Protein backbone atom coordinates (compact mmCIF):
# COMPACT_ATOMS: atom_id res chain seq x y z
CA UNK A 1 0.00 0.00 0.00
CA UNK A 2 1.16 3.52 -0.81
CA UNK A 3 0.83 6.16 1.91
CA UNK A 4 -0.76 9.43 0.77
CA UNK A 5 -0.37 12.55 2.90
CA UNK A 6 -0.82 16.32 2.83
CA UNK A 7 -3.94 16.30 0.68
CA UNK A 8 -2.35 14.02 -1.94
CA UNK A 9 0.77 16.15 -2.29
CA UNK A 10 3.09 13.59 -0.66
CA UNK A 11 3.38 9.89 -1.42
CA UNK A 12 5.42 7.24 0.37
CA UNK A 13 6.11 4.18 -1.75
CA UNK A 14 7.86 1.18 -0.16
CA UNK A 15 11.41 0.77 -1.44
CA UNK A 16 10.61 -2.89 -2.10
CA UNK A 17 7.86 -1.90 -4.55
CA UNK A 18 10.13 0.45 -6.48
CA UNK A 19 13.03 -2.00 -6.35
CA UNK A 20 10.95 -4.88 -7.72
CA UNK A 21 9.68 -2.76 -10.61
CA UNK A 22 13.08 -1.36 -11.51
CA UNK A 23 14.99 -4.61 -10.92
CA UNK A 24 17.10 -3.18 -8.10
CA UNK A 25 17.94 -4.04 -4.51
CA UNK A 26 15.60 -2.31 -2.05
CA UNK A 27 18.57 -0.84 -0.20
CA UNK A 28 19.68 0.94 -3.38
CA UNK A 29 16.42 2.81 -3.98
CA UNK A 30 16.81 5.73 -1.56
CA UNK A 31 20.44 6.53 -2.49
CA UNK A 32 19.60 6.32 -6.22
CA UNK A 33 16.61 8.64 -5.76
CA UNK A 34 18.79 11.15 -3.90
CA UNK A 35 21.46 10.93 -6.60
CA UNK A 36 18.91 11.47 -9.37
CA UNK A 37 19.56 8.07 -10.95
CA UNK A 38 15.93 7.20 -10.28
CA UNK A 39 13.53 9.96 -11.28
CA UNK A 40 9.96 10.15 -10.01
CA UNK A 41 6.82 11.98 -11.04
CA UNK A 42 3.22 12.12 -9.82
CA UNK A 43 0.15 12.98 -11.87
CA UNK A 44 -3.38 13.33 -10.52
CA UNK A 45 -6.16 11.74 -12.54
CA UNK A 46 -8.76 13.96 -14.22
CA UNK A 47 -12.21 13.32 -15.68
CA UNK A 48 -12.80 9.54 -15.71
CA UNK A 49 -9.56 9.02 -13.75
CA UNK A 50 -10.42 11.46 -10.97
CA UNK A 51 -9.43 9.98 -7.60
CA UNK A 52 -6.40 8.14 -8.95
CA UNK A 53 -2.73 9.05 -9.17
CA UNK A 54 -0.05 7.90 -11.60
CA UNK A 55 3.33 7.44 -9.93
CA UNK A 56 6.20 6.94 -12.35
CA UNK A 57 9.74 5.88 -11.44
CA UNK A 58 12.43 5.69 -14.12
CA UNK A 59 16.04 4.70 -14.48
CA UNK A 60 18.08 4.96 -17.64
CA UNK A 61 16.74 1.64 -18.98
CA UNK A 62 13.52 0.87 -17.11
CA UNK A 63 10.26 2.57 -16.06
CA UNK A 64 7.80 1.54 -13.35
CA UNK A 65 4.33 3.05 -13.43
CA UNK A 66 1.83 2.61 -10.59
CA UNK A 67 -1.79 3.71 -10.70
CA UNK A 68 -2.97 4.29 -7.13
CA UNK A 69 -6.43 5.07 -5.77
CA UNK A 70 -7.19 7.62 -3.02
CA UNK A 71 -6.71 4.95 -0.35
CA UNK A 72 -3.20 4.16 -1.59
CA UNK A 73 -4.08 0.80 -3.11
CA UNK A 74 -2.29 -0.05 -6.34
CA UNK A 75 -4.94 -0.36 -9.06
CA UNK A 76 -2.49 -1.26 -11.82
CA UNK A 77 1.22 -1.56 -12.40
CA UNK A 78 3.32 -1.67 -15.53
CA UNK A 79 7.01 -1.94 -16.32
CA UNK A 80 8.72 -0.79 -19.50
CA UNK A 81 12.15 -2.41 -19.89
CA UNK A 82 14.50 -1.50 -22.73
CA UNK A 83 17.20 -3.94 -21.61
CA UNK A 84 20.62 -2.50 -22.38
CA UNK A 85 19.17 0.35 -24.48
CA UNK A 86 18.21 3.65 -22.83
CA UNK A 87 14.54 4.54 -22.50
CA UNK A 88 13.45 6.89 -25.28
CA UNK A 89 13.16 10.44 -23.87
CA UNK A 90 9.41 10.51 -24.53
CA UNK A 91 8.85 7.61 -22.11
CA UNK A 92 10.40 9.59 -19.25
CA UNK A 93 7.95 12.51 -19.55
CA UNK A 94 4.81 12.67 -17.41
CA UNK A 95 1.79 11.57 -19.37
CA UNK A 96 3.80 9.49 -21.84
CA UNK A 97 2.45 6.07 -22.69
PDB file of N, CA and C in Angstrom:
ATOM      1  N   UNK A   1       0.835  -1.181   0.000  1.00  0.00           N
ATOM      2  CA  UNK A   1       0.000   0.000   0.000  1.00  0.00           C
ATOM      3  C   UNK A   1       0.882   1.248   0.000  1.00  0.00           C
ATOM      4  N   UNK A   2       0.460   2.253  -0.709  1.00  0.00           N
ATOM      5  CA  UNK A   2       1.155   3.524  -0.814  1.00  0.00           C
ATOM      6  C   UNK A   2       0.535   4.479   0.208  1.00  0.00           C
ATOM      7  N   UNK A   3       1.350   5.170   0.975  1.00  0.00           N
ATOM      8  CA  UNK A   3       0.832   6.162   1.913  1.00  0.00           C
ATOM      9  C   UNK A   3       0.682   7.497   1.190  1.00  0.00           C
ATOM     10  N   UNK A   4      -0.482   8.124   1.380  1.00  0.00           N
ATOM     11  CA  UNK A   4      -0.763   9.425   0.775  1.00  0.00           C
ATOM     12  C   UNK A   4      -0.971  10.418   1.907  1.00  0.00           C
ATOM     13  N   UNK A   5      -0.282  11.555   1.839  1.00  0.00           N
ATOM     14  CA  UNK A   5      -0.374  12.554   2.903  1.00  0.00           C
ATOM     15  C   UNK A   5      -0.503  13.951   2.324  1.00  0.00           C
ATOM     16  N   UNK A   6      -0.755  14.904   3.200  1.00  0.00           N
ATOM     17  CA  UNK A   6      -0.823  16.325   2.832  1.00  0.00           C
ATOM     18  C   UNK A   6      -1.753  16.599   1.659  1.00  0.00           C
ATOM     19  N   UNK A   7      -2.963  16.034   1.737  1.00  0.00           N
ATOM     20  CA  UNK A   7      -3.938  16.301   0.678  1.00  0.00           C
ATOM     21  C   UNK A   7      -3.496  15.801  -0.677  1.00  0.00           C
ATOM     22  N   UNK A   8      -2.836  14.654  -0.706  1.00  0.00           N
ATOM     23  CA  UNK A   8      -2.349  14.021  -1.937  1.00  0.00           C
ATOM     24  C   UNK A   8      -1.197  14.789  -2.570  1.00  0.00           C
ATOM     25  N   UNK A   9      -0.420  15.487  -1.748  1.00  0.00           N
ATOM     26  CA  UNK A   9       0.768  16.149  -2.294  1.00  0.00           C
ATOM     27  C   UNK A   9       2.047  15.414  -1.892  1.00  0.00           C
ATOM     28  N   UNK A  10       1.924  14.374  -1.071  1.00  0.00           N
ATOM     29  CA  UNK A  10       3.090  13.588  -0.658  1.00  0.00           C
ATOM     30  C   UNK A  10       2.730  12.107  -0.683  1.00  0.00           C
ATOM     31  N   UNK A  11       3.591  11.325  -1.285  1.00  0.00           N
ATOM     32  CA  UNK A  11       3.377   9.889  -1.417  1.00  0.00           C
ATOM     33  C   UNK A  11       4.588   9.154  -0.867  1.00  0.00           C
ATOM     34  N   UNK A  12       4.341   8.088  -0.115  1.00  0.00           N
ATOM     35  CA  UNK A  12       5.423   7.239   0.373  1.00  0.00           C
ATOM     36  C   UNK A  12       5.223   5.860  -0.235  1.00  0.00           C
ATOM     37  N   UNK A  13       6.169   5.467  -1.059  1.00  0.00           N
ATOM     38  CA  UNK A  13       6.111   4.182  -1.749  1.00  0.00           C
ATOM     39  C   UNK A  13       7.187   3.292  -1.143  1.00  0.00           C
ATOM     40  N   UNK A  14       6.847   2.064  -0.720  1.00  0.00           N
ATOM     41  CA  UNK A  14       7.859   1.184  -0.161  1.00  0.00           C
ATOM     42  C   UNK A  14       9.013   0.952  -1.136  1.00  0.00           C
ATOM     43  N   UNK A  15      10.222   0.994  -0.606  1.00  0.00           N
ATOM     44  CA  UNK A  15      11.413   0.767  -1.442  1.00  0.00           C
ATOM     45  C   UNK A  15      11.334  -0.579  -2.148  1.00  0.00           C
ATOM     46  N   UNK A  16      10.731  -1.556  -1.497  1.00  0.00           N
ATOM     47  CA  UNK A  16      10.615  -2.892  -2.098  1.00  0.00           C
ATOM     48  C   UNK A  16       9.753  -2.855  -3.361  1.00  0.00           C
ATOM     49  N   UNK A  17       8.729  -2.013  -3.370  1.00  0.00           N
ATOM     50  CA  UNK A  17       7.862  -1.895  -4.546  1.00  0.00           C
ATOM     51  C   UNK A  17       8.625  -1.284  -5.713  1.00  0.00           C
ATOM     52  N   UNK A  18       9.342  -0.212  -5.433  1.00  0.00           N
ATOM     53  CA  UNK A  18      10.125   0.449  -6.481  1.00  0.00           C
ATOM     54  C   UNK A  18      11.239  -0.480  -6.961  1.00  0.00           C
ATOM     55  N   UNK A  19      11.920  -1.111  -6.017  1.00  0.00           N
ATOM     56  CA  UNK A  19      13.034  -2.003  -6.353  1.00  0.00           C
ATOM     57  C   UNK A  19      12.580  -3.145  -7.252  1.00  0.00           C
ATOM     58  N   UNK A  20      11.448  -3.757  -6.914  1.00  0.00           N
ATOM     59  CA  UNK A  20      10.955  -4.877  -7.724  1.00  0.00           C
ATOM     60  C   UNK A  20      10.644  -4.422  -9.149  1.00  0.00           C
ATOM     61  N   UNK A  21      10.031  -3.257  -9.283  1.00  0.00           N
ATOM     62  CA  UNK A  21       9.676  -2.760 -10.610  1.00  0.00           C
ATOM     63  C   UNK A  21      10.866  -2.338 -11.445  1.00  0.00           C
ATOM     64  N   UNK A  22      11.904  -1.840 -10.776  1.00  0.00           N
ATOM     65  CA  UNK A  22      13.085  -1.364 -11.513  1.00  0.00           C
ATOM     66  C   UNK A  22      14.233  -2.362 -11.513  1.00  0.00           C
ATOM     67  N   UNK A  23      13.984  -3.542 -10.950  1.00  0.00           N
ATOM     68  CA  UNK A  23      14.987  -4.613 -10.921  1.00  0.00           C
ATOM     69  C   UNK A  23      16.239  -4.188 -10.156  1.00  0.00           C
ATOM     70  N   UNK A  24      16.022  -3.656  -8.958  1.00  0.00           N
ATOM     71  CA  UNK A  24      17.104  -3.179  -8.099  1.00  0.00           C
ATOM     72  C   UNK A  24      16.986  -3.817  -6.728  1.00  0.00           C
ATOM     73  N   UNK A  25      18.012  -3.645  -5.916  1.00  0.00           N
ATOM     74  CA  UNK A  25      17.942  -4.037  -4.513  1.00  0.00           C
ATOM     75  C   UNK A  25      17.219  -2.924  -3.750  1.00  0.00           C
ATOM     76  N   UNK A  26      16.366  -3.304  -2.808  1.00  0.00           N
ATOM     77  CA  UNK A  26      15.596  -2.313  -2.046  1.00  0.00           C
ATOM     78  C   UNK A  26      16.498  -1.301  -1.352  1.00  0.00           C
ATOM     79  N   UNK A  27      17.642  -1.738  -0.876  1.00  0.00           N
ATOM     80  CA  UNK A  27      18.567  -0.838  -0.199  1.00  0.00           C
ATOM     81  C   UNK A  27      19.193   0.199  -1.114  1.00  0.00           C
ATOM     82  N   UNK A  28      19.108  -0.005  -2.409  1.00  0.00           N
ATOM     83  CA  UNK A  28      19.683   0.938  -3.376  1.00  0.00           C
ATOM     84  C   UNK A  28      18.709   2.051  -3.772  1.00  0.00           C
ATOM     85  N   UNK A  29      17.424   1.878  -3.483  1.00  0.00           N
ATOM     86  CA  UNK A  29      16.418   2.805  -3.977  1.00  0.00           C
ATOM     87  C   UNK A  29      16.619   4.222  -3.443  1.00  0.00           C
ATOM     88  N   UNK A  30      16.695   4.389  -2.134  1.00  0.00           N
ATOM     89  CA  UNK A  30      16.809   5.731  -1.560  1.00  0.00           C
ATOM     90  C   UNK A  30      18.070   6.459  -2.038  1.00  0.00           C
ATOM     91  N   UNK A  31      19.249   5.827  -1.992  1.00  0.00           N
ATOM     92  CA  UNK A  31      20.439   6.533  -2.490  1.00  0.00           C
ATOM     93  C   UNK A  31      20.343   6.901  -3.974  1.00  0.00           C
ATOM     94  N   UNK A  32      19.731   6.033  -4.791  1.00  0.00           N
ATOM     95  CA  UNK A  32      19.604   6.316  -6.215  1.00  0.00           C
ATOM     96  C   UNK A  32      18.596   7.430  -6.480  1.00  0.00           C
ATOM     97  N   UNK A  33      17.546   7.511  -5.657  1.00  0.00           N
ATOM     98  CA  UNK A  33      16.611   8.636  -5.761  1.00  0.00           C
ATOM     99  C   UNK A  33      17.316   9.939  -5.415  1.00  0.00           C
ATOM    100  N   UNK A  34      18.072   9.943  -4.322  1.00  0.00           N
ATOM    101  CA  UNK A  34      18.786  11.154  -3.901  1.00  0.00           C
ATOM    102  C   UNK A  34      19.812  11.590  -4.941  1.00  0.00           C
ATOM    103  N   UNK A  35      20.438  10.627  -5.598  1.00  0.00           N
ATOM    104  CA  UNK A  35      21.462  10.935  -6.598  1.00  0.00           C
ATOM    105  C   UNK A  35      20.861  11.312  -7.951  1.00  0.00           C
ATOM    106  N   UNK A  36      19.553  11.146  -8.104  1.00  0.00           N
ATOM    107  CA  UNK A  36      18.914  11.469  -9.375  1.00  0.00           C
ATOM    108  C   UNK A  36      18.999  10.369 -10.412  1.00  0.00           C
ATOM    109  N   UNK A  37      19.493   9.205 -10.028  1.00  0.00           N
ATOM    110  CA  UNK A  37      19.563   8.073 -10.953  1.00  0.00           C
ATOM    111  C   UNK A  37      18.162   7.521 -11.198  1.00  0.00           C
ATOM    112  N   UNK A  38      17.347   7.529 -10.147  1.00  0.00           N
ATOM    113  CA  UNK A  38      15.934   7.202 -10.282  1.00  0.00           C
ATOM    114  C   UNK A  38      15.182   8.537 -10.258  1.00  0.00           C
ATOM    115  N   UNK A  39      14.375   8.761 -11.276  1.00  0.00           N
ATOM    116  CA  UNK A  39      13.528   9.956 -11.284  1.00  0.00           C
ATOM    117  C   UNK A  39      12.100   9.534 -10.957  1.00  0.00           C
ATOM    118  N   UNK A  40      11.339  10.463 -10.405  1.00  0.00           N
ATOM    119  CA  UNK A  40       9.963  10.154 -10.012  1.00  0.00           C
ATOM    120  C   UNK A  40       9.052  11.299 -10.403  1.00  0.00           C
ATOM    121  N   UNK A  41       7.820  10.961 -10.765  1.00  0.00           N
ATOM    122  CA  UNK A  41       6.819  11.981 -11.038  1.00  0.00           C
ATOM    123  C   UNK A  41       5.460  11.479 -10.552  1.00  0.00           C
ATOM    124  N   UNK A  42       4.581  12.419 -10.268  1.00  0.00           N
ATOM    125  CA  UNK A  42       3.217  12.122  -9.819  1.00  0.00           C
ATOM    126  C   UNK A  42       2.256  12.942 -10.659  1.00  0.00           C
ATOM    127  N   UNK A  43       1.199  12.296 -11.118  1.00  0.00           N
ATOM    128  CA  UNK A  43       0.147  12.983 -11.866  1.00  0.00           C
ATOM    129  C   UNK A  43      -1.195  12.601 -11.258  1.00  0.00           C
ATOM    130  N   UNK A  44      -2.040  13.578 -11.035  1.00  0.00           N
ATOM    131  CA  UNK A  44      -3.384  13.331 -10.523  1.00  0.00           C
ATOM    132  C   UNK A  44      -4.323  13.054 -11.682  1.00  0.00           C
ATOM    133  N   UNK A  45      -5.198  12.068 -11.500  1.00  0.00           N
ATOM    134  CA  UNK A  45      -6.165  11.737 -12.536  1.00  0.00           C
ATOM    135  C   UNK A  45      -7.204  12.838 -12.704  1.00  0.00           C
ATOM    136  N   UNK A  46      -7.699  12.991 -13.918  1.00  0.00           N
ATOM    137  CA  UNK A  46      -8.757  13.956 -14.220  1.00  0.00           C
ATOM    138  C   UNK A  46      -9.887  13.226 -14.944  1.00  0.00           C
ATOM    139  N   UNK A  47     -11.039  13.860 -14.992  1.00  0.00           N
ATOM    140  CA  UNK A  47     -12.212  13.320 -15.676  1.00  0.00           C
ATOM    141  C   UNK A  47     -12.510  11.903 -15.195  1.00  0.00           C
ATOM    142  N   UNK A  48     -12.482  10.917 -16.082  1.00  0.00           N
ATOM    143  CA  UNK A  48     -12.800   9.540 -15.706  1.00  0.00           C
ATOM    144  C   UNK A  48     -11.800   8.955 -14.713  1.00  0.00           C
ATOM    145  N   UNK A  49     -10.609   9.522 -14.645  1.00  0.00           N
ATOM    146  CA  UNK A  49      -9.564   9.016 -13.753  1.00  0.00           C
ATOM    147  C   UNK A  49      -9.469   9.789 -12.441  1.00  0.00           C
ATOM    148  N   UNK A  50     -10.408  10.683 -12.193  1.00  0.00           N
ATOM    149  CA  UNK A  50     -10.417  11.465 -10.965  1.00  0.00           C
ATOM    150  C   UNK A  50     -10.395  10.527  -9.756  1.00  0.00           C
ATOM    151  N   UNK A  51      -9.552  10.834  -8.789  1.00  0.00           N
ATOM    152  CA  UNK A  51      -9.428   9.984  -7.601  1.00  0.00           C
ATOM    153  C   UNK A  51      -8.318   8.962  -7.719  1.00  0.00           C
ATOM    154  N   UNK A  52      -7.560   9.020  -8.802  1.00  0.00           N
ATOM    155  CA  UNK A  52      -6.397   8.144  -8.949  1.00  0.00           C
ATOM    156  C   UNK A  52      -5.160   9.000  -9.174  1.00  0.00           C
ATOM    157  N   UNK A  53      -4.017   8.380  -8.975  1.00  0.00           N
ATOM    158  CA  UNK A  53      -2.731   9.047  -9.171  1.00  0.00           C
ATOM    159  C   UNK A  53      -1.821   8.103  -9.936  1.00  0.00           C
ATOM    160  N   UNK A  54      -1.045   8.683 -10.854  1.00  0.00           N
ATOM    161  CA  UNK A  54      -0.054   7.898 -11.601  1.00  0.00           C
ATOM    162  C   UNK A  54       1.315   8.260 -11.052  1.00  0.00           C
ATOM    163  N   UNK A  55       1.984   7.273 -10.478  1.00  0.00           N
ATOM    164  CA  UNK A  55       3.328   7.442  -9.934  1.00  0.00           C
ATOM    165  C   UNK A  55       4.290   6.750 -10.895  1.00  0.00           C
ATOM    166  N   UNK A  56       5.263   7.481 -11.377  1.00  0.00           N
ATOM    167  CA  UNK A  56       6.205   6.939 -12.349  1.00  0.00           C
ATOM    168  C   UNK A  56       7.620   7.048 -11.804  1.00  0.00           C
ATOM    169  N   UNK A  57       8.346   5.941 -11.858  1.00  0.00           N
ATOM    170  CA  UNK A  57       9.742   5.881 -11.435  1.00  0.00           C
ATOM    171  C   UNK A  57      10.551   5.368 -12.620  1.00  0.00           C
ATOM    172  N   UNK A  58      11.634   6.070 -12.950  1.00  0.00           N
ATOM    173  CA  UNK A  58      12.427   5.689 -14.120  1.00  0.00           C
ATOM    174  C   UNK A  58      13.907   5.660 -13.798  1.00  0.00           C
ATOM    175  N   UNK A  59      14.579   4.711 -14.430  1.00  0.00           N
ATOM    176  CA  UNK A  59      16.035   4.702 -14.483  1.00  0.00           C
ATOM    177  C   UNK A  59      16.399   4.870 -15.949  1.00  0.00           C
ATOM    178  N   UNK A  60      17.639   4.771 -16.244  1.00  0.00           N
ATOM    179  CA  UNK A  60      18.081   4.960 -17.636  1.00  0.00           C
ATOM    180  C   UNK A  60      17.453   3.939 -18.588  1.00  0.00           C
ATOM    181  N   UNK A  61      17.190   2.719 -18.097  1.00  0.00           N
ATOM    182  CA  UNK A  61      16.743   1.642 -18.980  1.00  0.00           C
ATOM    183  C   UNK A  61      15.358   1.079 -18.652  1.00  0.00           C
ATOM    184  N   UNK A  62      14.755   1.525 -17.565  1.00  0.00           N
ATOM    185  CA  UNK A  62      13.524   0.875 -17.106  1.00  0.00           C
ATOM    186  C   UNK A  62      12.578   1.898 -16.477  1.00  0.00           C
ATOM    187  N   UNK A  63      11.258   1.685 -16.654  1.00  0.00           N
ATOM    188  CA  UNK A  63      10.257   2.570 -16.065  1.00  0.00           C
ATOM    189  C   UNK A  63       9.205   1.733 -15.352  1.00  0.00           C
ATOM    190  N   UNK A  64       8.881   2.138 -14.134  1.00  0.00           N
ATOM    191  CA  UNK A  64       7.798   1.541 -13.348  1.00  0.00           C
ATOM    192  C   UNK A  64       6.684   2.566 -13.244  1.00  0.00           C
ATOM    193  N   UNK A  65       5.478   2.158 -13.552  1.00  0.00           N
ATOM    194  CA  UNK A  65       4.334   3.051 -13.427  1.00  0.00           C
ATOM    195  C   UNK A  65       3.292   2.369 -12.542  1.00  0.00           C
ATOM    196  N   UNK A  66       2.858   3.104 -11.505  1.00  0.00           N
ATOM    197  CA  UNK A  66       1.834   2.615 -10.587  1.00  0.00           C
ATOM    198  C   UNK A  66       0.622   3.536 -10.682  1.00  0.00           C
ATOM    199  N   UNK A  67      -0.556   2.961 -10.799  1.00  0.00           N
ATOM    200  CA  UNK A  67      -1.793   3.714 -10.700  1.00  0.00           C
ATOM    201  C   UNK A  67      -2.352   3.389  -9.320  1.00  0.00           C
ATOM    202  N   UNK A  68      -2.587   4.444  -8.531  1.00  0.00           N
ATOM    203  CA  UNK A  68      -2.969   4.294  -7.133  1.00  0.00           C
ATOM    204  C   UNK A  68      -4.290   5.008  -6.903  1.00  0.00           C
ATOM    205  N   UNK A  69      -5.183   4.394  -6.101  1.00  0.00           N
ATOM    206  CA  UNK A  69      -6.435   5.072  -5.767  1.00  0.00           C
ATOM    207  C   UNK A  69      -6.238   5.961  -4.541  1.00  0.00           C
ATOM    208  N   UNK A  70      -7.289   6.660  -4.117  1.00  0.00           N
ATOM    209  CA  UNK A  70      -7.186   7.622  -3.021  1.00  0.00           C
ATOM    210  C   UNK A  70      -6.867   6.968  -1.679  1.00  0.00           C
ATOM    211  N   UNK A  71      -7.045   5.661  -1.577  1.00  0.00           N
ATOM    212  CA  UNK A  71      -6.705   4.949  -0.347  1.00  0.00           C
ATOM    213  C   UNK A  71      -5.258   4.463  -0.352  1.00  0.00           C
ATOM    214  N   UNK A  72      -4.584   4.605  -1.483  1.00  0.00           N
ATOM    215  CA  UNK A  72      -3.204   4.156  -1.595  1.00  0.00           C
ATOM    216  C   UNK A  72      -3.053   2.742  -2.111  1.00  0.00           C
ATOM    217  N   UNK A  73      -4.155   2.152  -2.535  1.00  0.00           N
ATOM    218  CA  UNK A  73      -4.082   0.802  -3.111  1.00  0.00           C
ATOM    219  C   UNK A  73      -3.640   0.886  -4.569  1.00  0.00           C
ATOM    220  N   UNK A  74      -2.752  -0.017  -4.961  1.00  0.00           N
ATOM    221  CA  UNK A  74      -2.285  -0.053  -6.343  1.00  0.00           C
ATOM    222  C   UNK A  74      -3.382  -0.684  -7.200  1.00  0.00           C
ATOM    223  N   UNK A  75      -3.885   0.091  -8.155  1.00  0.00           N
ATOM    224  CA  UNK A  75      -4.939  -0.361  -9.060  1.00  0.00           C
ATOM    225  C   UNK A  75      -4.324  -1.098 -10.240  1.00  0.00           C
ATOM    226  N   UNK A  76      -3.207  -0.592 -10.738  1.00  0.00           N
ATOM    227  CA  UNK A  76      -2.487  -1.264 -11.822  1.00  0.00           C
ATOM    228  C   UNK A  76      -1.014  -0.898 -11.759  1.00  0.00           C
ATOM    229  N   UNK A  77      -0.235  -1.745 -12.390  1.00  0.00           N
ATOM    230  CA  UNK A  77       1.219  -1.563 -12.400  1.00  0.00           C
ATOM    231  C   UNK A  77       1.745  -2.013 -13.745  1.00  0.00           C
ATOM    232  N   UNK A  78       2.697  -1.261 -14.279  1.00  0.00           N
ATOM    233  CA  UNK A  78       3.321  -1.668 -15.530  1.00  0.00           C
ATOM    234  C   UNK A  78       4.812  -1.351 -15.475  1.00  0.00           C
ATOM    235  N   UNK A  79       5.565  -2.138 -16.222  1.00  0.00           N
ATOM    236  CA  UNK A  79       7.010  -1.944 -16.320  1.00  0.00           C
ATOM    237  C   UNK A  79       7.371  -1.891 -17.791  1.00  0.00           C
ATOM    238  N   UNK A  80       8.179  -0.921 -18.141  1.00  0.00           N
ATOM    239  CA  UNK A  80       8.716  -0.794 -19.495  1.00  0.00           C
ATOM    240  C   UNK A  80      10.214  -1.011 -19.373  1.00  0.00           C
ATOM    241  N   UNK A  81      10.733  -2.045 -20.021  1.00  0.00           N
ATOM    242  CA  UNK A  81      12.147  -2.406 -19.895  1.00  0.00           C
ATOM    243  C   UNK A  81      12.787  -2.414 -21.277  1.00  0.00           C
ATOM    244  N   UNK A  82      13.797  -1.575 -21.457  1.00  0.00           N
ATOM    245  CA  UNK A  82      14.501  -1.499 -22.727  1.00  0.00           C
ATOM    246  C   UNK A  82      15.819  -2.262 -22.696  1.00  0.00           C
ATOM    247  N   UNK A  83      15.991  -3.129 -21.681  1.00  0.00           N
ATOM    248  CA  UNK A  83      17.198  -3.936 -21.606  1.00  0.00           C
ATOM    249  C   UNK A  83      18.434  -3.069 -21.508  1.00  0.00           C
ATOM    250  N   UNK A  84      19.370  -3.261 -22.414  1.00  0.00           N
ATOM    251  CA  UNK A  84      20.622  -2.496 -22.381  1.00  0.00           C
ATOM    252  C   UNK A  84      20.503  -1.147 -23.097  1.00  0.00           C
ATOM    253  N   UNK A  85      19.375  -0.919 -23.769  1.00  0.00           N
ATOM    254  CA  UNK A  85      19.168   0.349 -24.476  1.00  0.00           C
ATOM    255  C   UNK A  85      18.533   1.372 -23.525  1.00  0.00           C
ATOM    256  N   UNK A  86      18.855   2.647 -23.674  1.00  0.00           N
ATOM    257  CA  UNK A  86      18.210   3.652 -22.832  1.00  0.00           C
ATOM    258  C   UNK A  86      16.742   3.843 -23.218  1.00  0.00           C
ATOM    259  N   UNK A  87      15.932   4.204 -22.222  1.00  0.00           N
ATOM    260  CA  UNK A  87      14.541   4.538 -22.504  1.00  0.00           C
ATOM    261  C   UNK A  87      14.501   5.716 -23.463  1.00  0.00           C
ATOM    262  N   UNK A  88      13.609   5.711 -24.436  1.00  0.00           N
ATOM    263  CA  UNK A  88      13.446   6.892 -25.283  1.00  0.00           C
ATOM    264  C   UNK A  88      13.018   8.082 -24.408  1.00  0.00           C
ATOM    265  N   UNK A  89      13.496   9.271 -24.696  1.00  0.00           N
ATOM    266  CA  UNK A  89      13.156  10.443 -23.868  1.00  0.00           C
ATOM    267  C   UNK A  89      11.651  10.625 -23.661  1.00  0.00           C
ATOM    268  N   UNK A  90      10.849  10.324 -24.649  1.00  0.00           N
ATOM    269  CA  UNK A  90       9.406  10.508 -24.527  1.00  0.00           C
ATOM    270  C   UNK A  90       8.802   9.643 -23.429  1.00  0.00           C
ATOM    271  N   UNK A  91       9.395   8.496 -23.134  1.00  0.00           N
ATOM    272  CA  UNK A  91       8.850   7.606 -22.107  1.00  0.00           C
ATOM    273  C   UNK A  91       9.160   8.087 -20.695  1.00  0.00           C
ATOM    274  N   UNK A  92      10.023   9.069 -20.569  1.00  0.00           N
ATOM    275  CA  UNK A  92      10.402   9.592 -19.254  1.00  0.00           C
ATOM    276  C   UNK A  92       9.566  10.815 -18.875  1.00  0.00           C
ATOM    277  N   UNK A  93       8.776  11.329 -19.811  1.00  0.00           N
ATOM    278  CA  UNK A  93       7.948  12.509 -19.547  1.00  0.00           C
ATOM    279  C   UNK A  93       6.649  12.104 -18.880  1.00  0.00           C
ATOM    280  N   UNK A  94       6.148  12.932 -17.958  1.00  0.00           N
ATOM    281  CA  UNK A  94       4.811  12.672 -17.407  1.00  0.00           C
ATOM    282  C   UNK A  94       3.779  12.612 -18.523  1.00  0.00           C
ATOM    283  N   UNK A  95       2.850  11.698 -18.388  1.00  0.00           N
ATOM    284  CA  UNK A  95       1.785  11.567 -19.368  1.00  0.00           C
ATOM    285  C   UNK A  95       2.135  10.667 -20.546  1.00  0.00           C
ATOM    286  N   UNK A  96       3.404  10.324 -20.703  1.00  0.00           N
ATOM    287  CA  UNK A  96       3.797   9.493 -21.845  1.00  0.00           C
ATOM    288  C   UNK A  96       3.309   8.066 -21.651  1.00  0.00           C
ATOM    289  N   UNK A  97       2.935   7.444 -22.725  1.00  0.00           N
ATOM    290  CA  UNK A  97       2.454   6.067 -22.690  1.00  0.00           C
ATOM    291  C   UNK A  97       3.562   5.141 -22.455  1.00  0.00           C
TER     292      UNK A  97
END
